[in-house]
Each structure stands twice: as C-alpha cells, then as structure tokens.
Amino acid sequence: MERKRNIDELLEELGAQAPEGYYISLHLRFASPLMTYQTYNQAWIDHYTRHSYLLRDPLVAWGVSRTGTTRWSELDLPDPFGIFAEAAEYGLRYGMSVACGPTTSRTIASLARADREFSDEEIETVRAIVEALHAATEPPAALTPAEAEALRIVASGERYAAGAARLGISESAFKARLKSARTKLFARTSAEAIQRAKEYRLI
C-alpha cells in the first residue's frame, strides 16, 4: 500500500508541472509498457488514437532511442505527419519530454502547457519526478516459487478451489498468493498478472 501511495503522490506532483496534461509510459518492455497514465484533454487523446500517432510520433522515437530531457521545440527528429502542429491546435503548444531507464525497460514521459516553454528548473524537477516514478514501479526480478506456481495453475485454466486442492492449501491461502503476485506486478486481475509475468519471463 505504501508503494501505491508513493506512486499516486508522484503522479500528483507530475500533474502539477503540466498545465495541459501529461503522458507517461512506465517500463516499456517488449513493445508494451507496464503502466501508462495520461491527463491530456480527451479530444486530443481521441484524435491521437484515431490516427494511430503512437507509431508515428517523433517523441516516441526520441524516447526509445535515447535518455535525457528535451523541449519539443528542440527535438532533432522530423515530424512528417505534423503531429506537433496538430497538438498545438488542442492546446498543447509547448512541451517537454523525459526518457530514462535501460532500453529493455524504458520510461518515457511528455508534459504540455499552452502559455510558454518549460524553464530549465521545471525540466529538472520533472526529470527527478519521472526517475522516481521509474524506480517506484520497477517490476520484480522474480516471484516467489509459491506465487509463480499459483499463477501457472490459474493460467492452465484451473479454478481457485481446484488449484488450492492441487497444492494442498486452503482456497484463501491460494488467493493470498495470487494477490501477492498481482501486487508485485501492478496488476488489477490475475489474468493481467499472468500476462505480465510471462512478458517478464517470471513464469
């Protein structure tokens, strides 16, 4: 619970730095992030999604290929689809991005405002928040044998009662193992935990 509270507090701090919203993709692995959060206005999110801009966004290419910080106006990559110009029409006129972590677990964040460029001090503050979020959401290096076995059993299609009987434990104990695995993997459901455990090669 403490870890979740810390993440929520950091996201609140991030939001305070982004008058026009933010997007953060945490621990991008195997083309899928562990978690994403965004507070851009819904009209822009819908427009961005409808045009599949994630695959064309120069900020994504920048974040995947390097670490550090950049103002959008200083980005040294082409924008052939005019995504920045379209973003400005939705109020995202000025922005900055941060990328951190190894290429195997990259975190990328972008923040926007409508009135002015981000200052050097603000960029440094955001960088520190994003790096703290990256550290706070680090996936586990391993699950306990009991957690991994419980996930494998559920992944095989067995119900909780049958899984508990197979292991010779109570159903509540079996559910506790699944809950512990979900917590470690930041998963809302056992199915999501199984998927992430497979992606991270933990089961």
N, C-alpha and C. Protein backbone atom coordinates (compact mmCIF):
# COMPACT_ATOMS: atom_id res chain seq x y z
N MET A 1 0.83 -1.21 0.00
CA MET A 1 0.00 0.00 0.00
C MET A 1 0.87 1.26 0.00
N GLU A 2 1.97 1.21 0.73
CA GLU A 2 2.87 2.37 0.79
C GLU A 2 3.44 2.69 -0.59
N ARG A 3 3.78 1.63 -1.34
CA ARG A 3 4.33 1.83 -2.67
C ARG A 3 3.32 2.50 -3.59
N LYS A 4 2.04 2.07 -3.51
CA LYS A 4 0.99 2.65 -4.33
C LYS A 4 0.77 4.11 -3.96
N ARG A 5 0.79 4.41 -2.65
CA ARG A 5 0.60 5.79 -2.21
C ARG A 5 1.73 6.66 -2.75
N ASN A 6 2.94 6.14 -2.73
CA ASN A 6 4.09 6.89 -3.23
C ASN A 6 3.92 7.18 -4.73
N ILE A 7 3.44 6.21 -5.50
CA ILE A 7 3.21 6.39 -6.93
C ILE A 7 2.15 7.46 -7.16
N ASP A 8 1.06 7.40 -6.41
CA ASP A 8 -0.01 8.39 -6.55
C ASP A 8 0.50 9.80 -6.23
N GLU A 9 1.32 9.91 -5.21
CA GLU A 9 1.87 11.22 -4.85
C GLU A 9 2.77 11.75 -5.95
N LEU A 10 3.59 10.89 -6.52
CA LEU A 10 4.48 11.31 -7.59
C LEU A 10 3.70 11.72 -8.83
N LEU A 11 2.64 11.00 -9.15
CA LEU A 11 1.80 11.36 -10.29
C LEU A 11 1.13 12.72 -10.06
N GLU A 12 0.74 12.98 -8.82
CA GLU A 12 0.15 14.27 -8.49
C GLU A 12 1.18 15.39 -8.69
N GLU A 13 2.41 15.14 -8.28
CA GLU A 13 3.48 16.12 -8.48
C GLU A 13 3.73 16.35 -9.98
N LEU A 14 3.69 15.27 -10.74
CA LEU A 14 3.89 15.39 -12.19
C LEU A 14 2.77 16.23 -12.80
N GLY A 15 1.56 15.97 -12.38
CA GLY A 15 0.43 16.73 -12.91
C GLY A 15 0.52 18.21 -12.59
N ALA A 16 1.08 18.55 -11.43
CA ALA A 16 1.22 19.96 -11.05
C ALA A 16 2.19 20.71 -11.97
N GLN A 17 3.05 19.96 -12.64
CA GLN A 17 4.03 20.57 -13.55
C GLN A 17 3.50 20.67 -14.98
N ALA A 18 2.30 20.13 -15.24
CA ALA A 18 1.80 20.03 -16.62
C ALA A 18 0.41 20.65 -16.74
N PRO A 19 0.32 21.96 -16.95
CA PRO A 19 -0.98 22.63 -17.04
C PRO A 19 -1.91 22.05 -18.11
N GLU A 20 -1.35 21.56 -19.22
CA GLU A 20 -2.16 20.98 -20.29
C GLU A 20 -2.11 19.46 -20.31
N GLY A 21 -1.62 18.87 -19.22
CA GLY A 21 -1.63 17.43 -19.11
C GLY A 21 -0.30 16.76 -19.40
N TYR A 22 -0.28 15.46 -19.16
CA TYR A 22 0.94 14.67 -19.39
C TYR A 22 0.58 13.28 -19.86
N TYR A 23 1.61 12.60 -20.38
CA TYR A 23 1.51 11.18 -20.72
C TYR A 23 2.79 10.53 -20.23
N ILE A 24 2.67 9.40 -19.54
CA ILE A 24 3.85 8.68 -19.11
C ILE A 24 3.66 7.19 -19.34
N SER A 25 4.64 6.59 -19.98
CA SER A 25 4.68 5.16 -20.24
C SER A 25 5.81 4.58 -19.40
N LEU A 26 5.47 3.75 -18.43
CA LEU A 26 6.46 3.24 -17.47
C LEU A 26 6.92 1.84 -17.83
N HIS A 27 8.23 1.68 -17.89
CA HIS A 27 8.86 0.38 -18.13
C HIS A 27 8.36 -0.28 -19.41
N LEU A 28 8.64 0.37 -20.51
CA LEU A 28 8.30 -0.16 -21.82
C LEU A 28 9.20 -1.36 -22.10
N ARG A 29 8.57 -2.53 -22.21
CA ARG A 29 9.29 -3.78 -22.46
C ARG A 29 8.55 -4.57 -23.52
N PHE A 30 9.30 -5.13 -24.46
CA PHE A 30 8.69 -5.97 -25.49
C PHE A 30 7.52 -5.25 -26.15
N ALA A 31 7.69 -3.94 -26.40
CA ALA A 31 6.71 -3.09 -27.08
C ALA A 31 5.45 -2.83 -26.25
N SER A 32 5.47 -3.19 -24.97
CA SER A 32 4.31 -2.96 -24.11
C SER A 32 4.76 -2.39 -22.77
N PRO A 33 4.15 -1.27 -22.32
CA PRO A 33 4.55 -0.68 -21.04
C PRO A 33 3.91 -1.42 -19.86
N LEU A 34 4.57 -1.36 -18.72
CA LEU A 34 4.00 -1.92 -17.51
C LEU A 34 2.75 -1.13 -17.12
N MET A 35 2.84 0.20 -17.19
CA MET A 35 1.73 1.07 -16.85
C MET A 35 1.79 2.33 -17.70
N THR A 36 0.64 2.92 -17.97
CA THR A 36 0.59 4.23 -18.62
C THR A 36 -0.43 5.09 -17.88
N TYR A 37 -0.13 6.37 -17.84
CA TYR A 37 -1.05 7.35 -17.27
C TYR A 37 -1.06 8.56 -18.20
N GLN A 38 -2.22 9.17 -18.38
CA GLN A 38 -2.27 10.39 -19.17
C GLN A 38 -3.40 11.29 -18.73
N THR A 39 -3.14 12.59 -18.81
CA THR A 39 -4.14 13.58 -18.38
C THR A 39 -4.36 14.64 -19.46
N TYR A 40 -3.89 14.40 -20.68
CA TYR A 40 -4.19 15.32 -21.78
C TYR A 40 -5.72 15.40 -21.95
N ASN A 41 -6.20 16.45 -22.60
CA ASN A 41 -7.64 16.55 -22.79
C ASN A 41 -8.11 15.41 -23.70
N GLN A 42 -9.34 14.95 -23.43
CA GLN A 42 -9.84 13.76 -24.09
C GLN A 42 -9.95 13.91 -25.61
N ALA A 43 -10.22 15.13 -26.06
CA ALA A 43 -10.34 15.35 -27.51
C ALA A 43 -9.01 15.05 -28.20
N TRP A 44 -7.90 15.46 -27.59
CA TRP A 44 -6.58 15.17 -28.18
C TRP A 44 -6.27 13.68 -28.10
N ILE A 45 -6.58 13.06 -26.98
CA ILE A 45 -6.34 11.62 -26.83
C ILE A 45 -7.09 10.85 -27.91
N ASP A 46 -8.35 11.22 -28.12
CA ASP A 46 -9.16 10.54 -29.14
C ASP A 46 -8.58 10.77 -30.54
N HIS A 47 -8.18 11.99 -30.83
CA HIS A 47 -7.61 12.32 -32.14
C HIS A 47 -6.31 11.55 -32.36
N TYR A 48 -5.45 11.53 -31.35
CA TYR A 48 -4.15 10.85 -31.41
C TYR A 48 -4.35 9.35 -31.65
N THR A 49 -5.31 8.78 -30.91
CA THR A 49 -5.57 7.35 -31.03
C THR A 49 -6.19 7.01 -32.39
N ARG A 50 -7.13 7.83 -32.82
CA ARG A 50 -7.83 7.58 -34.08
C ARG A 50 -6.87 7.55 -35.27
N HIS A 51 -5.81 8.37 -35.21
CA HIS A 51 -4.85 8.45 -36.30
C HIS A 51 -3.60 7.58 -36.08
N SER A 52 -3.65 6.75 -35.05
CA SER A 52 -2.52 5.84 -34.75
C SER A 52 -1.19 6.58 -34.67
N TYR A 53 -1.19 7.73 -34.00
CA TYR A 53 0.01 8.55 -33.95
C TYR A 53 1.12 7.94 -33.09
N LEU A 54 0.78 7.00 -32.22
CA LEU A 54 1.83 6.40 -31.40
C LEU A 54 2.93 5.80 -32.26
N LEU A 55 2.56 5.25 -33.41
CA LEU A 55 3.53 4.63 -34.31
C LEU A 55 4.28 5.65 -35.15
N ARG A 56 3.84 6.92 -35.13
CA ARG A 56 4.43 7.95 -35.98
C ARG A 56 5.02 9.11 -35.18
N ASP A 57 4.81 9.10 -33.88
CA ASP A 57 5.19 10.22 -33.02
C ASP A 57 6.71 10.31 -32.88
N PRO A 58 7.31 11.45 -33.27
CA PRO A 58 8.76 11.59 -33.11
C PRO A 58 9.21 11.57 -31.66
N LEU A 59 8.32 11.91 -30.72
CA LEU A 59 8.69 11.86 -29.31
C LEU A 59 8.88 10.42 -28.84
N VAL A 60 8.09 9.51 -29.38
CA VAL A 60 8.25 8.09 -29.05
C VAL A 60 9.59 7.59 -29.59
N ALA A 61 9.89 7.95 -30.84
CA ALA A 61 11.17 7.55 -31.44
C ALA A 61 12.33 8.12 -30.64
N TRP A 62 12.20 9.37 -30.22
CA TRP A 62 13.25 10.01 -29.41
C TRP A 62 13.43 9.26 -28.10
N GLY A 63 12.32 8.97 -27.40
CA GLY A 63 12.41 8.34 -26.10
C GLY A 63 12.94 6.92 -26.14
N VAL A 64 12.64 6.20 -27.20
CA VAL A 64 13.12 4.83 -27.34
C VAL A 64 14.61 4.81 -27.66
N SER A 65 15.08 5.82 -28.37
CA SER A 65 16.46 5.81 -28.87
C SER A 65 17.48 6.48 -27.96
N ARG A 66 17.01 7.23 -26.95
CA ARG A 66 17.96 7.92 -26.07
C ARG A 66 17.32 8.24 -24.73
N THR A 67 18.16 8.64 -23.78
CA THR A 67 17.66 9.07 -22.48
C THR A 67 18.03 10.53 -22.26
N GLY A 68 17.33 11.17 -21.32
CA GLY A 68 17.60 12.57 -21.03
C GLY A 68 16.31 13.38 -21.10
N THR A 69 16.46 14.66 -21.40
CA THR A 69 15.30 15.55 -21.49
C THR A 69 15.39 16.39 -22.77
N THR A 70 14.25 16.85 -23.22
CA THR A 70 14.22 17.75 -24.37
C THR A 70 12.94 18.57 -24.35
N ARG A 71 13.04 19.82 -24.80
CA ARG A 71 11.83 20.59 -25.10
C ARG A 71 11.36 20.13 -26.48
N TRP A 72 10.06 20.14 -26.70
CA TRP A 72 9.56 19.72 -28.01
C TRP A 72 10.13 20.60 -29.12
N SER A 73 10.31 21.88 -28.82
CA SER A 73 10.82 22.80 -29.83
C SER A 73 12.28 22.53 -30.19
N GLU A 74 12.97 21.75 -29.37
CA GLU A 74 14.39 21.46 -29.60
C GLU A 74 14.59 20.05 -30.15
N LEU A 75 13.51 19.33 -30.40
CA LEU A 75 13.62 17.96 -30.88
C LEU A 75 14.31 17.93 -32.24
N ASP A 76 15.28 17.03 -32.38
CA ASP A 76 16.07 16.98 -33.61
C ASP A 76 15.62 15.86 -34.55
N LEU A 77 14.34 15.49 -34.48
CA LEU A 77 13.80 14.46 -35.36
C LEU A 77 12.69 15.04 -36.22
N PRO A 78 12.52 14.55 -37.44
CA PRO A 78 11.46 15.08 -38.31
C PRO A 78 10.07 14.71 -37.81
N ASP A 79 9.09 15.51 -38.19
CA ASP A 79 7.69 15.27 -37.82
C ASP A 79 6.85 15.30 -39.11
N PRO A 80 7.02 14.28 -39.96
CA PRO A 80 6.37 14.32 -41.29
C PRO A 80 4.85 14.34 -41.25
N PHE A 81 4.26 13.89 -40.17
CA PHE A 81 2.80 13.87 -40.08
C PHE A 81 2.24 15.12 -39.40
N GLY A 82 3.13 16.04 -39.02
CA GLY A 82 2.67 17.30 -38.43
C GLY A 82 1.96 17.12 -37.09
N ILE A 83 2.42 16.18 -36.29
CA ILE A 83 1.76 15.89 -35.02
C ILE A 83 1.88 17.07 -34.05
N PHE A 84 3.04 17.73 -34.03
CA PHE A 84 3.21 18.87 -33.12
C PHE A 84 2.25 20.01 -33.47
N ALA A 85 2.08 20.29 -34.75
CA ALA A 85 1.17 21.36 -35.18
C ALA A 85 -0.27 21.02 -34.78
N GLU A 86 -0.64 19.76 -34.93
CA GLU A 86 -1.99 19.35 -34.55
C GLU A 86 -2.17 19.41 -33.04
N ALA A 87 -1.14 19.01 -32.29
CA ALA A 87 -1.22 19.06 -30.83
C ALA A 87 -1.45 20.49 -30.36
N ALA A 88 -0.78 21.45 -31.02
CA ALA A 88 -0.93 22.86 -30.66
C ALA A 88 -2.37 23.33 -30.81
N GLU A 89 -3.07 22.79 -31.80
CA GLU A 89 -4.47 23.16 -32.01
C GLU A 89 -5.35 22.70 -30.85
N TYR A 90 -4.87 21.72 -30.10
CA TYR A 90 -5.61 21.20 -28.94
C TYR A 90 -5.08 21.80 -27.63
N GLY A 91 -4.25 22.83 -27.72
CA GLY A 91 -3.74 23.49 -26.52
C GLY A 91 -2.37 23.03 -26.07
N LEU A 92 -1.82 22.01 -26.71
CA LEU A 92 -0.50 21.50 -26.33
C LEU A 92 0.55 22.22 -27.17
N ARG A 93 0.77 23.49 -26.89
CA ARG A 93 1.63 24.33 -27.72
C ARG A 93 3.11 24.22 -27.35
N TYR A 94 3.38 24.02 -26.09
CA TYR A 94 4.76 23.89 -25.62
C TYR A 94 4.86 22.60 -24.82
N GLY A 95 5.99 21.94 -24.93
CA GLY A 95 6.11 20.68 -24.21
C GLY A 95 7.54 20.29 -23.94
N MET A 96 7.67 19.26 -23.13
CA MET A 96 8.97 18.68 -22.81
C MET A 96 8.79 17.19 -22.62
N SER A 97 9.88 16.46 -22.80
CA SER A 97 9.85 15.01 -22.64
C SER A 97 11.06 14.54 -21.85
N VAL A 98 10.87 13.43 -21.17
CA VAL A 98 11.93 12.79 -20.39
C VAL A 98 11.95 11.31 -20.75
N ALA A 99 13.13 10.76 -20.91
CA ALA A 99 13.28 9.31 -21.11
C ALA A 99 14.37 8.82 -20.17
N CYS A 100 14.09 7.71 -19.48
CA CYS A 100 15.09 7.16 -18.56
C CYS A 100 14.96 5.64 -18.51
N GLY A 101 15.97 5.01 -17.98
CA GLY A 101 15.98 3.56 -17.85
C GLY A 101 16.66 2.89 -19.03
N PRO A 102 17.00 1.62 -18.88
CA PRO A 102 17.65 0.88 -19.96
C PRO A 102 16.68 0.64 -21.12
N THR A 103 17.21 0.32 -22.28
CA THR A 103 16.35 0.09 -23.45
C THR A 103 15.39 -1.08 -23.21
N THR A 104 15.74 -1.99 -22.32
CA THR A 104 14.89 -3.14 -22.03
C THR A 104 13.75 -2.81 -21.07
N SER A 105 13.78 -1.60 -20.49
CA SER A 105 12.73 -1.20 -19.54
C SER A 105 12.68 0.33 -19.48
N ARG A 106 12.34 0.93 -20.61
CA ARG A 106 12.41 2.39 -20.77
C ARG A 106 11.13 3.07 -20.28
N THR A 107 11.30 4.19 -19.60
CA THR A 107 10.17 5.04 -19.21
C THR A 107 10.25 6.33 -20.01
N ILE A 108 9.12 6.72 -20.61
CA ILE A 108 9.04 7.93 -21.43
C ILE A 108 7.87 8.78 -20.94
N ALA A 109 8.13 10.05 -20.71
CA ALA A 109 7.07 10.96 -20.25
C ALA A 109 7.10 12.24 -21.08
N SER A 110 5.91 12.78 -21.36
CA SER A 110 5.79 14.06 -22.05
C SER A 110 4.78 14.92 -21.30
N LEU A 111 5.10 16.21 -21.15
CA LEU A 111 4.24 17.16 -20.47
C LEU A 111 4.00 18.34 -21.38
N ALA A 112 2.82 18.99 -21.24
CA ALA A 112 2.48 20.10 -22.12
C ALA A 112 1.94 21.30 -21.35
N ARG A 113 2.10 22.45 -21.97
CA ARG A 113 1.48 23.67 -21.49
C ARG A 113 1.13 24.54 -22.68
N ALA A 114 0.28 25.54 -22.48
CA ALA A 114 -0.19 26.35 -23.60
C ALA A 114 0.44 27.73 -23.65
N ASP A 115 1.09 28.16 -22.54
CA ASP A 115 1.48 29.56 -22.43
C ASP A 115 2.94 29.87 -22.74
N ARG A 116 3.85 28.95 -22.44
CA ARG A 116 5.28 29.25 -22.59
C ARG A 116 6.09 27.96 -22.56
N GLU A 117 7.38 28.10 -22.88
CA GLU A 117 8.30 26.97 -22.79
C GLU A 117 8.52 26.59 -21.31
N PHE A 118 8.84 25.34 -21.08
CA PHE A 118 9.25 24.91 -19.75
C PHE A 118 10.63 25.48 -19.44
N SER A 119 10.81 25.97 -18.22
CA SER A 119 12.11 26.51 -17.82
C SER A 119 13.08 25.37 -17.52
N ASP A 120 14.37 25.69 -17.45
CA ASP A 120 15.37 24.67 -17.11
C ASP A 120 15.08 24.08 -15.74
N GLU A 121 14.67 24.92 -14.80
CA GLU A 121 14.37 24.45 -13.45
C GLU A 121 13.18 23.49 -13.46
N GLU A 122 12.15 23.81 -14.22
CA GLU A 122 10.98 22.93 -14.31
C GLU A 122 11.35 21.60 -14.96
N ILE A 123 12.18 21.65 -15.98
CA ILE A 123 12.62 20.42 -16.65
C ILE A 123 13.38 19.53 -15.68
N GLU A 124 14.22 20.12 -14.86
CA GLU A 124 14.97 19.34 -13.88
C GLU A 124 14.04 18.73 -12.83
N THR A 125 13.04 19.49 -12.42
CA THR A 125 12.06 18.98 -11.45
C THR A 125 11.30 17.79 -12.03
N VAL A 126 10.86 17.92 -13.28
CA VAL A 126 10.13 16.84 -13.94
C VAL A 126 11.02 15.62 -14.11
N ARG A 127 12.25 15.83 -14.51
CA ARG A 127 13.18 14.70 -14.67
C ARG A 127 13.28 13.91 -13.37
N ALA A 128 13.41 14.60 -12.25
CA ALA A 128 13.54 13.93 -10.96
C ALA A 128 12.26 13.15 -10.62
N ILE A 129 11.10 13.73 -10.90
CA ILE A 129 9.83 13.04 -10.63
C ILE A 129 9.70 11.78 -11.49
N VAL A 130 10.03 11.90 -12.77
CA VAL A 130 9.91 10.75 -13.68
C VAL A 130 10.87 9.64 -13.28
N GLU A 131 12.09 10.00 -12.90
CA GLU A 131 13.05 8.98 -12.46
C GLU A 131 12.58 8.30 -11.18
N ALA A 132 11.93 9.07 -10.29
CA ALA A 132 11.40 8.49 -9.06
C ALA A 132 10.25 7.54 -9.37
N LEU A 133 9.40 7.90 -10.34
CA LEU A 133 8.32 7.02 -10.76
C LEU A 133 8.86 5.75 -11.39
N HIS A 134 9.90 5.90 -12.19
CA HIS A 134 10.54 4.74 -12.82
C HIS A 134 11.03 3.76 -11.74
N ALA A 135 11.67 4.31 -10.71
CA ALA A 135 12.20 3.46 -9.63
C ALA A 135 11.07 2.84 -8.81
N ALA A 136 10.01 3.62 -8.54
CA ALA A 136 8.91 3.14 -7.70
C ALA A 136 8.10 2.04 -8.37
N THR A 137 8.13 1.99 -9.70
CA THR A 137 7.33 1.00 -10.43
C THR A 137 8.19 -0.11 -11.05
N GLU A 138 9.40 -0.24 -10.57
CA GLU A 138 10.30 -1.27 -11.10
C GLU A 138 9.67 -2.65 -10.93
N PRO A 139 9.50 -3.42 -12.01
CA PRO A 139 8.93 -4.76 -11.88
C PRO A 139 9.84 -5.67 -11.06
N PRO A 140 9.29 -6.69 -10.42
CA PRO A 140 10.12 -7.58 -9.61
C PRO A 140 11.08 -8.39 -10.48
N ALA A 141 12.23 -8.69 -9.93
CA ALA A 141 13.19 -9.54 -10.64
C ALA A 141 12.72 -10.99 -10.64
N ALA A 142 11.91 -11.33 -9.63
CA ALA A 142 11.41 -12.70 -9.54
C ALA A 142 10.18 -12.72 -8.64
N LEU A 143 9.36 -13.75 -8.82
CA LEU A 143 8.27 -14.04 -7.91
C LEU A 143 8.72 -15.16 -6.98
N THR A 144 8.06 -15.30 -5.86
CA THR A 144 8.38 -16.45 -5.01
C THR A 144 7.90 -17.71 -5.74
N PRO A 145 8.48 -18.86 -5.42
CA PRO A 145 8.01 -20.10 -6.05
C PRO A 145 6.51 -20.32 -5.85
N ALA A 146 6.00 -19.95 -4.68
CA ALA A 146 4.57 -20.13 -4.40
C ALA A 146 3.72 -19.22 -5.28
N GLU A 147 4.14 -17.97 -5.44
CA GLU A 147 3.40 -17.03 -6.30
C GLU A 147 3.42 -17.49 -7.75
N ALA A 148 4.59 -17.88 -8.21
CA ALA A 148 4.71 -18.32 -9.60
C ALA A 148 3.86 -19.56 -9.87
N GLU A 149 3.87 -20.50 -8.92
CA GLU A 149 3.09 -21.73 -9.11
C GLU A 149 1.59 -21.42 -9.13
N ALA A 150 1.15 -20.51 -8.28
CA ALA A 150 -0.27 -20.14 -8.27
C ALA A 150 -0.68 -19.53 -9.61
N LEU A 151 0.17 -18.68 -10.16
CA LEU A 151 -0.14 -18.07 -11.46
C LEU A 151 -0.16 -19.12 -12.56
N ARG A 152 0.78 -20.06 -12.53
CA ARG A 152 0.81 -21.11 -13.54
C ARG A 152 -0.47 -21.95 -13.50
N ILE A 153 -0.93 -22.25 -12.29
CA ILE A 153 -2.13 -23.07 -12.14
C ILE A 153 -3.35 -22.35 -12.72
N VAL A 154 -3.49 -21.06 -12.40
CA VAL A 154 -4.61 -20.29 -12.94
C VAL A 154 -4.47 -20.16 -14.45
N ALA A 155 -3.24 -19.97 -14.93
CA ALA A 155 -3.01 -19.86 -16.37
C ALA A 155 -3.40 -21.14 -17.11
N SER A 156 -3.32 -22.27 -16.42
CA SER A 156 -3.66 -23.55 -17.05
C SER A 156 -5.18 -23.74 -17.14
N GLY A 157 -5.94 -22.83 -16.52
CA GLY A 157 -7.39 -22.90 -16.62
C GLY A 157 -8.08 -23.45 -15.39
N GLU A 158 -7.33 -23.82 -14.36
CA GLU A 158 -7.95 -24.37 -13.16
C GLU A 158 -8.58 -23.26 -12.32
N ARG A 159 -9.67 -23.60 -11.65
CA ARG A 159 -10.33 -22.66 -10.73
C ARG A 159 -9.55 -22.60 -9.42
N TYR A 160 -9.85 -21.58 -8.63
CA TYR A 160 -9.11 -21.37 -7.38
C TYR A 160 -9.22 -22.57 -6.45
N ALA A 161 -10.43 -23.11 -6.31
CA ALA A 161 -10.63 -24.25 -5.39
C ALA A 161 -9.81 -25.45 -5.84
N ALA A 162 -9.81 -25.69 -7.15
CA ALA A 162 -9.04 -26.83 -7.68
C ALA A 162 -7.55 -26.59 -7.52
N GLY A 163 -7.11 -25.35 -7.74
CA GLY A 163 -5.70 -25.02 -7.58
C GLY A 163 -5.25 -25.18 -6.15
N ALA A 164 -6.09 -24.74 -5.22
CA ALA A 164 -5.76 -24.89 -3.80
C ALA A 164 -5.65 -26.37 -3.42
N ALA A 165 -6.62 -27.17 -3.90
CA ALA A 165 -6.60 -28.60 -3.60
C ALA A 165 -5.35 -29.26 -4.17
N ARG A 166 -4.97 -28.84 -5.36
CA ARG A 166 -3.77 -29.41 -6.00
C ARG A 166 -2.52 -29.14 -5.18
N LEU A 167 -2.48 -27.96 -4.54
CA LEU A 167 -1.31 -27.60 -3.75
C LEU A 167 -1.43 -28.03 -2.29
N GLY A 168 -2.61 -28.51 -1.91
CA GLY A 168 -2.81 -28.94 -0.53
C GLY A 168 -2.91 -27.79 0.45
N ILE A 169 -3.44 -26.65 -0.02
CA ILE A 169 -3.61 -25.48 0.84
C ILE A 169 -5.06 -25.02 0.77
N SER A 170 -5.42 -24.09 1.66
CA SER A 170 -6.78 -23.58 1.64
C SER A 170 -6.98 -22.65 0.44
N GLU A 171 -8.24 -22.46 0.06
CA GLU A 171 -8.53 -21.56 -1.05
C GLU A 171 -8.12 -20.13 -0.71
N SER A 172 -8.29 -19.74 0.54
CA SER A 172 -7.89 -18.38 0.95
C SER A 172 -6.38 -18.20 0.85
N ALA A 173 -5.62 -19.25 1.17
CA ALA A 173 -4.17 -19.17 1.04
C ALA A 173 -3.75 -19.07 -0.43
N PHE A 174 -4.47 -19.81 -1.26
CA PHE A 174 -4.20 -19.76 -2.70
C PHE A 174 -4.47 -18.36 -3.24
N LYS A 175 -5.60 -17.76 -2.83
CA LYS A 175 -5.94 -16.41 -3.26
C LYS A 175 -4.92 -15.39 -2.74
N ALA A 176 -4.39 -15.62 -1.56
CA ALA A 176 -3.39 -14.71 -0.99
C ALA A 176 -2.12 -14.72 -1.83
N ARG A 177 -1.75 -15.90 -2.34
CA ARG A 177 -0.57 -15.98 -3.20
C ARG A 177 -0.80 -15.22 -4.51
N LEU A 178 -2.00 -15.34 -5.05
CA LEU A 178 -2.32 -14.61 -6.28
C LEU A 178 -2.32 -13.11 -6.03
N LYS A 179 -2.88 -12.69 -4.91
CA LYS A 179 -2.93 -11.26 -4.58
C LYS A 179 -1.52 -10.70 -4.44
N SER A 180 -0.64 -11.46 -3.80
CA SER A 180 0.74 -11.01 -3.64
C SER A 180 1.42 -10.86 -5.00
N ALA A 181 1.17 -11.80 -5.90
CA ALA A 181 1.75 -11.72 -7.25
C ALA A 181 1.19 -10.52 -7.99
N ARG A 182 -0.13 -10.28 -7.89
CA ARG A 182 -0.73 -9.12 -8.56
C ARG A 182 -0.12 -7.82 -8.05
N THR A 183 0.09 -7.73 -6.75
CA THR A 183 0.66 -6.52 -6.16
C THR A 183 2.06 -6.27 -6.70
N LYS A 184 2.87 -7.30 -6.74
CA LYS A 184 4.24 -7.16 -7.25
C LYS A 184 4.26 -6.74 -8.71
N LEU A 185 3.28 -7.21 -9.46
CA LEU A 185 3.25 -6.96 -10.91
C LEU A 185 2.37 -5.76 -11.29
N PHE A 186 1.85 -5.06 -10.28
CA PHE A 186 0.96 -3.91 -10.51
C PHE A 186 -0.22 -4.30 -11.41
N ALA A 187 -0.76 -5.47 -11.16
CA ALA A 187 -1.85 -5.99 -11.99
C ALA A 187 -3.17 -5.91 -11.23
N ARG A 188 -4.23 -5.56 -11.95
CA ARG A 188 -5.56 -5.47 -11.33
C ARG A 188 -6.22 -6.83 -11.24
N THR A 189 -5.90 -7.71 -12.18
CA THR A 189 -6.53 -9.03 -12.21
C THR A 189 -5.45 -10.11 -12.31
N SER A 190 -5.87 -11.33 -12.02
CA SER A 190 -4.92 -12.45 -12.15
C SER A 190 -4.52 -12.65 -13.61
N ALA A 191 -5.46 -12.43 -14.53
CA ALA A 191 -5.15 -12.58 -15.96
C ALA A 191 -4.07 -11.58 -16.37
N GLU A 192 -4.19 -10.35 -15.88
CA GLU A 192 -3.18 -9.34 -16.19
C GLU A 192 -1.85 -9.70 -15.56
N ALA A 193 -1.88 -10.24 -14.34
CA ALA A 193 -0.64 -10.67 -13.67
C ALA A 193 0.04 -11.79 -14.45
N ILE A 194 -0.75 -12.73 -14.96
CA ILE A 194 -0.20 -13.84 -15.75
C ILE A 194 0.48 -13.30 -17.01
N GLN A 195 -0.20 -12.39 -17.68
CA GLN A 195 0.36 -11.82 -18.90
C GLN A 195 1.68 -11.12 -18.62
N ARG A 196 1.71 -10.31 -17.57
CA ARG A 196 2.94 -9.58 -17.25
C ARG A 196 4.05 -10.52 -16.79
N ALA A 197 3.69 -11.53 -16.01
CA ALA A 197 4.69 -12.49 -15.55
C ALA A 197 5.32 -13.22 -16.74
N LYS A 198 4.51 -13.52 -17.75
CA LYS A 198 5.05 -14.17 -18.95
C LYS A 198 5.94 -13.21 -19.73
N GLU A 199 5.48 -11.95 -19.85
CA GLU A 199 6.27 -10.95 -20.57
C GLU A 199 7.64 -10.75 -19.92
N TYR A 200 7.66 -10.77 -18.58
CA TYR A 200 8.92 -10.56 -17.85
C TYR A 200 9.67 -11.86 -17.60
N ARG A 201 9.10 -12.95 -18.17
CA ARG A 201 9.74 -14.26 -18.06
C ARG A 201 9.92 -14.70 -16.62
N LEU A 202 8.87 -14.46 -15.83
CA LEU A 202 8.90 -14.84 -14.42
C LEU A 202 8.17 -16.16 -14.20
N ILE A 203 7.41 -16.59 -15.21
CA ILE A 203 6.77 -17.92 -15.14
C ILE A 203 6.95 -18.60 -16.50
